[in-house]
């Protein structure tokens, strides 16, 4: 019998409807639940060279969802 992994930490993410829709869409494309998708993306970013690339892109392009959401509200 395979034992289940027990995760003893809960992370909360503040989001809006658009961000949630994006998460739901990406998770569906990956065939995962949104929470599992987020956990697996962080794992993937940490244990591949993609994490540094994403961070560098965020810094270079000054990507920040909060600023985007504020600008979109007008």
N, C-alpha and C. Protein backbone atom coordinates (compact mmCIF):
# COMPACT_ATOMS: atom_id res chain seq x y z
N UNK A 1 0.83 -1.18 0.00
CA UNK A 1 0.00 0.00 0.00
C UNK A 1 0.88 1.25 0.00
N UNK A 2 0.58 2.18 -0.88
CA UNK A 2 1.36 3.41 -1.02
C UNK A 2 0.89 4.43 0.01
N UNK A 3 1.83 5.02 0.73
CA UNK A 3 1.44 6.03 1.72
C UNK A 3 1.33 7.40 1.06
N UNK A 4 0.42 8.21 1.58
CA UNK A 4 0.22 9.56 1.05
C UNK A 4 1.24 10.50 1.67
N UNK A 5 1.67 11.46 0.88
CA UNK A 5 2.53 12.50 1.40
C UNK A 5 1.66 13.47 2.18
N UNK A 6 2.10 13.83 3.36
CA UNK A 6 1.33 14.76 4.17
C UNK A 6 2.02 16.12 4.14
N UNK A 7 1.30 17.10 3.68
CA UNK A 7 1.81 18.47 3.66
C UNK A 7 1.22 19.20 4.86
N UNK A 8 2.09 19.74 5.70
CA UNK A 8 1.61 20.35 6.93
C UNK A 8 1.63 21.87 6.89
N UNK A 9 1.80 22.47 5.74
CA UNK A 9 1.79 23.92 5.59
C UNK A 9 0.74 24.32 4.57
N UNK A 10 0.07 25.42 4.84
CA UNK A 10 -0.92 25.96 3.93
C UNK A 10 -0.46 27.35 3.51
N UNK A 11 -0.46 27.61 2.23
CA UNK A 11 -0.09 28.91 1.70
C UNK A 11 -1.35 29.59 1.18
N UNK A 12 -1.50 30.86 1.47
CA UNK A 12 -2.63 31.63 0.98
C UNK A 12 -2.12 32.65 -0.01
N UNK A 13 -2.82 32.78 -1.13
CA UNK A 13 -2.43 33.73 -2.16
C UNK A 13 -3.59 34.69 -2.38
N UNK A 14 -3.32 35.96 -2.25
CA UNK A 14 -4.35 36.96 -2.57
C UNK A 14 -4.40 37.10 -4.08
N UNK A 15 -5.61 37.05 -4.62
CA UNK A 15 -5.76 37.10 -6.07
C UNK A 15 -7.10 37.74 -6.41
N UNK A 16 -7.27 38.01 -7.69
CA UNK A 16 -8.56 38.51 -8.17
C UNK A 16 -9.13 37.49 -9.15
N UNK A 17 -10.27 37.80 -9.72
CA UNK A 17 -10.93 36.85 -10.61
C UNK A 17 -10.09 36.51 -11.84
N UNK A 18 -9.40 37.50 -12.40
CA UNK A 18 -8.58 37.25 -13.59
C UNK A 18 -7.43 36.31 -13.27
N UNK A 19 -6.72 36.57 -12.17
CA UNK A 19 -5.60 35.72 -11.79
C UNK A 19 -6.09 34.30 -11.53
N UNK A 20 -7.22 34.18 -10.86
CA UNK A 20 -7.78 32.86 -10.58
C UNK A 20 -8.14 32.14 -11.87
N UNK A 21 -8.69 32.88 -12.83
CA UNK A 21 -9.03 32.27 -14.13
C UNK A 21 -7.78 31.79 -14.84
N UNK A 22 -6.71 32.58 -14.76
CA UNK A 22 -5.44 32.16 -15.38
C UNK A 22 -4.92 30.90 -14.72
N UNK A 23 -4.96 30.86 -13.39
CA UNK A 23 -4.50 29.68 -12.66
C UNK A 23 -5.34 28.46 -13.04
N UNK A 24 -6.65 28.62 -13.05
CA UNK A 24 -7.53 27.51 -13.40
C UNK A 24 -7.23 27.00 -14.80
N UNK A 25 -7.00 27.92 -15.75
CA UNK A 25 -6.71 27.54 -17.13
C UNK A 25 -5.39 26.78 -17.23
N UNK A 26 -4.35 27.33 -16.61
CA UNK A 26 -3.04 26.66 -16.66
C UNK A 26 -3.09 25.30 -15.98
N UNK A 27 -3.76 25.21 -14.84
CA UNK A 27 -3.88 23.94 -14.13
C UNK A 27 -4.61 22.92 -14.99
N UNK A 28 -5.67 23.35 -15.65
CA UNK A 28 -6.43 22.44 -16.51
C UNK A 28 -5.56 21.95 -17.67
N UNK A 29 -4.77 22.85 -18.25
CA UNK A 29 -3.88 22.45 -19.34
C UNK A 29 -2.88 21.40 -18.87
N UNK A 30 -2.47 21.51 -17.61
CA UNK A 30 -1.50 20.56 -17.05
C UNK A 30 -2.18 19.30 -16.50
N UNK A 31 -3.50 19.31 -16.46
CA UNK A 31 -4.22 18.17 -15.92
C UNK A 31 -4.07 18.03 -14.41
N UNK A 32 -3.97 19.18 -13.72
CA UNK A 32 -3.79 19.18 -12.27
C UNK A 32 -4.81 20.10 -11.61
N UNK A 33 -5.00 19.91 -10.32
CA UNK A 33 -5.78 20.85 -9.52
C UNK A 33 -4.94 22.12 -9.37
N UNK A 34 -5.56 23.29 -9.20
CA UNK A 34 -4.78 24.52 -9.07
C UNK A 34 -3.73 24.47 -7.97
N UNK A 35 -4.06 23.94 -6.81
CA UNK A 35 -3.08 23.88 -5.71
C UNK A 35 -1.91 22.97 -6.06
N UNK A 36 -2.20 21.86 -6.69
CA UNK A 36 -1.15 20.92 -7.10
C UNK A 36 -0.29 21.55 -8.19
N UNK A 37 -0.94 22.24 -9.12
CA UNK A 37 -0.21 22.91 -10.19
C UNK A 37 0.78 23.93 -9.62
N UNK A 38 0.32 24.78 -8.68
CA UNK A 38 1.22 25.77 -8.09
C UNK A 38 2.39 25.10 -7.38
N UNK A 39 2.11 24.08 -6.62
CA UNK A 39 3.18 23.37 -5.90
C UNK A 39 4.19 22.79 -6.89
N UNK A 40 3.68 22.18 -7.97
CA UNK A 40 4.57 21.56 -8.95
C UNK A 40 5.36 22.60 -9.76
N UNK A 41 4.75 23.76 -10.02
CA UNK A 41 5.47 24.81 -10.73
C UNK A 41 6.64 25.31 -9.88
N UNK A 42 6.40 25.55 -8.60
CA UNK A 42 7.48 25.99 -7.71
C UNK A 42 8.58 24.93 -7.65
N UNK A 43 8.19 23.69 -7.55
CA UNK A 43 9.16 22.59 -7.55
C UNK A 43 9.98 22.62 -8.84
N UNK A 44 9.31 22.74 -9.96
CA UNK A 44 9.97 22.76 -11.26
C UNK A 44 10.92 23.95 -11.38
N UNK A 45 10.48 25.12 -10.94
CA UNK A 45 11.33 26.30 -11.02
C UNK A 45 12.57 26.16 -10.15
N UNK A 46 12.41 25.57 -9.00
CA UNK A 46 13.52 25.41 -8.05
C UNK A 46 14.56 24.40 -8.54
N UNK A 47 14.11 23.31 -9.15
CA UNK A 47 15.02 22.23 -9.49
C UNK A 47 15.39 22.13 -10.97
N UNK A 48 15.12 23.20 -11.70
CA UNK A 48 15.59 23.31 -13.08
C UNK A 48 16.24 24.68 -13.22
N UNK A 49 16.83 24.93 -14.34
CA UNK A 49 17.43 26.25 -14.55
C UNK A 49 16.37 27.30 -14.89
N UNK A 50 15.11 26.91 -14.94
CA UNK A 50 14.04 27.84 -15.31
C UNK A 50 13.76 28.86 -14.22
N UNK A 51 13.98 28.52 -12.97
CA UNK A 51 13.72 29.46 -11.88
C UNK A 51 14.51 30.74 -12.04
N UNK A 52 15.79 30.63 -12.29
CA UNK A 52 16.63 31.82 -12.47
C UNK A 52 16.18 32.60 -13.70
N UNK A 53 15.82 31.89 -14.76
CA UNK A 53 15.37 32.58 -15.98
C UNK A 53 14.09 33.37 -15.73
N UNK A 54 13.16 32.78 -14.99
CA UNK A 54 11.90 33.47 -14.68
C UNK A 54 12.17 34.70 -13.82
N UNK A 55 12.99 34.55 -12.80
CA UNK A 55 13.33 35.67 -11.93
C UNK A 55 14.00 36.78 -12.72
N UNK A 56 14.96 36.43 -13.57
CA UNK A 56 15.64 37.43 -14.40
C UNK A 56 14.64 38.15 -15.31
N UNK A 57 13.70 37.42 -15.90
CA UNK A 57 12.69 38.02 -16.76
C UNK A 57 11.79 38.96 -15.96
N UNK A 58 11.39 38.53 -14.77
CA UNK A 58 10.55 39.38 -13.92
C UNK A 58 11.25 40.69 -13.60
N UNK A 59 12.54 40.61 -13.27
CA UNK A 59 13.30 41.82 -12.94
C UNK A 59 13.51 42.70 -14.18
N UNK A 60 13.92 42.08 -15.28
CA UNK A 60 14.22 42.83 -16.49
C UNK A 60 12.99 43.55 -17.02
N UNK A 61 11.86 42.87 -17.03
CA UNK A 61 10.62 43.44 -17.58
C UNK A 61 9.77 44.14 -16.51
N UNK A 62 10.27 44.10 -15.26
CA UNK A 62 9.55 44.69 -14.13
C UNK A 62 8.12 44.16 -14.07
N UNK A 63 8.00 42.84 -14.19
CA UNK A 63 6.69 42.18 -14.14
C UNK A 63 6.20 42.09 -12.70
N UNK A 64 5.00 42.59 -12.48
CA UNK A 64 4.40 42.61 -11.16
C UNK A 64 2.89 42.58 -11.35
N UNK A 65 2.25 41.50 -10.94
CA UNK A 65 0.81 41.38 -11.18
C UNK A 65 0.01 42.47 -10.47
N UNK A 66 0.43 42.87 -9.29
CA UNK A 66 -0.30 43.91 -8.57
C UNK A 66 -0.34 45.21 -9.36
N UNK A 67 0.80 45.59 -9.94
CA UNK A 67 0.82 46.80 -10.77
C UNK A 67 -0.07 46.64 -11.99
N UNK A 68 -0.05 45.46 -12.60
CA UNK A 68 -0.92 45.19 -13.75
C UNK A 68 -2.39 45.32 -13.36
N UNK A 69 -2.77 44.72 -12.25
CA UNK A 69 -4.16 44.75 -11.81
C UNK A 69 -4.62 46.18 -11.49
N UNK A 70 -3.75 46.95 -10.86
CA UNK A 70 -4.09 48.35 -10.57
C UNK A 70 -4.29 49.15 -11.84
N UNK A 71 -3.40 48.97 -12.80
CA UNK A 71 -3.50 49.69 -14.08
C UNK A 71 -4.76 49.28 -14.85
N UNK A 72 -5.11 48.00 -14.76
CA UNK A 72 -6.28 47.50 -15.47
C UNK A 72 -7.58 48.07 -14.89
N UNK A 73 -7.57 48.35 -13.59
CA UNK A 73 -8.75 48.93 -12.93
C UNK A 73 -8.96 50.37 -13.35
N UNK A 74 -7.86 51.04 -13.72
CA UNK A 74 -7.95 52.43 -14.16
C UNK A 74 -7.86 53.40 -13.11
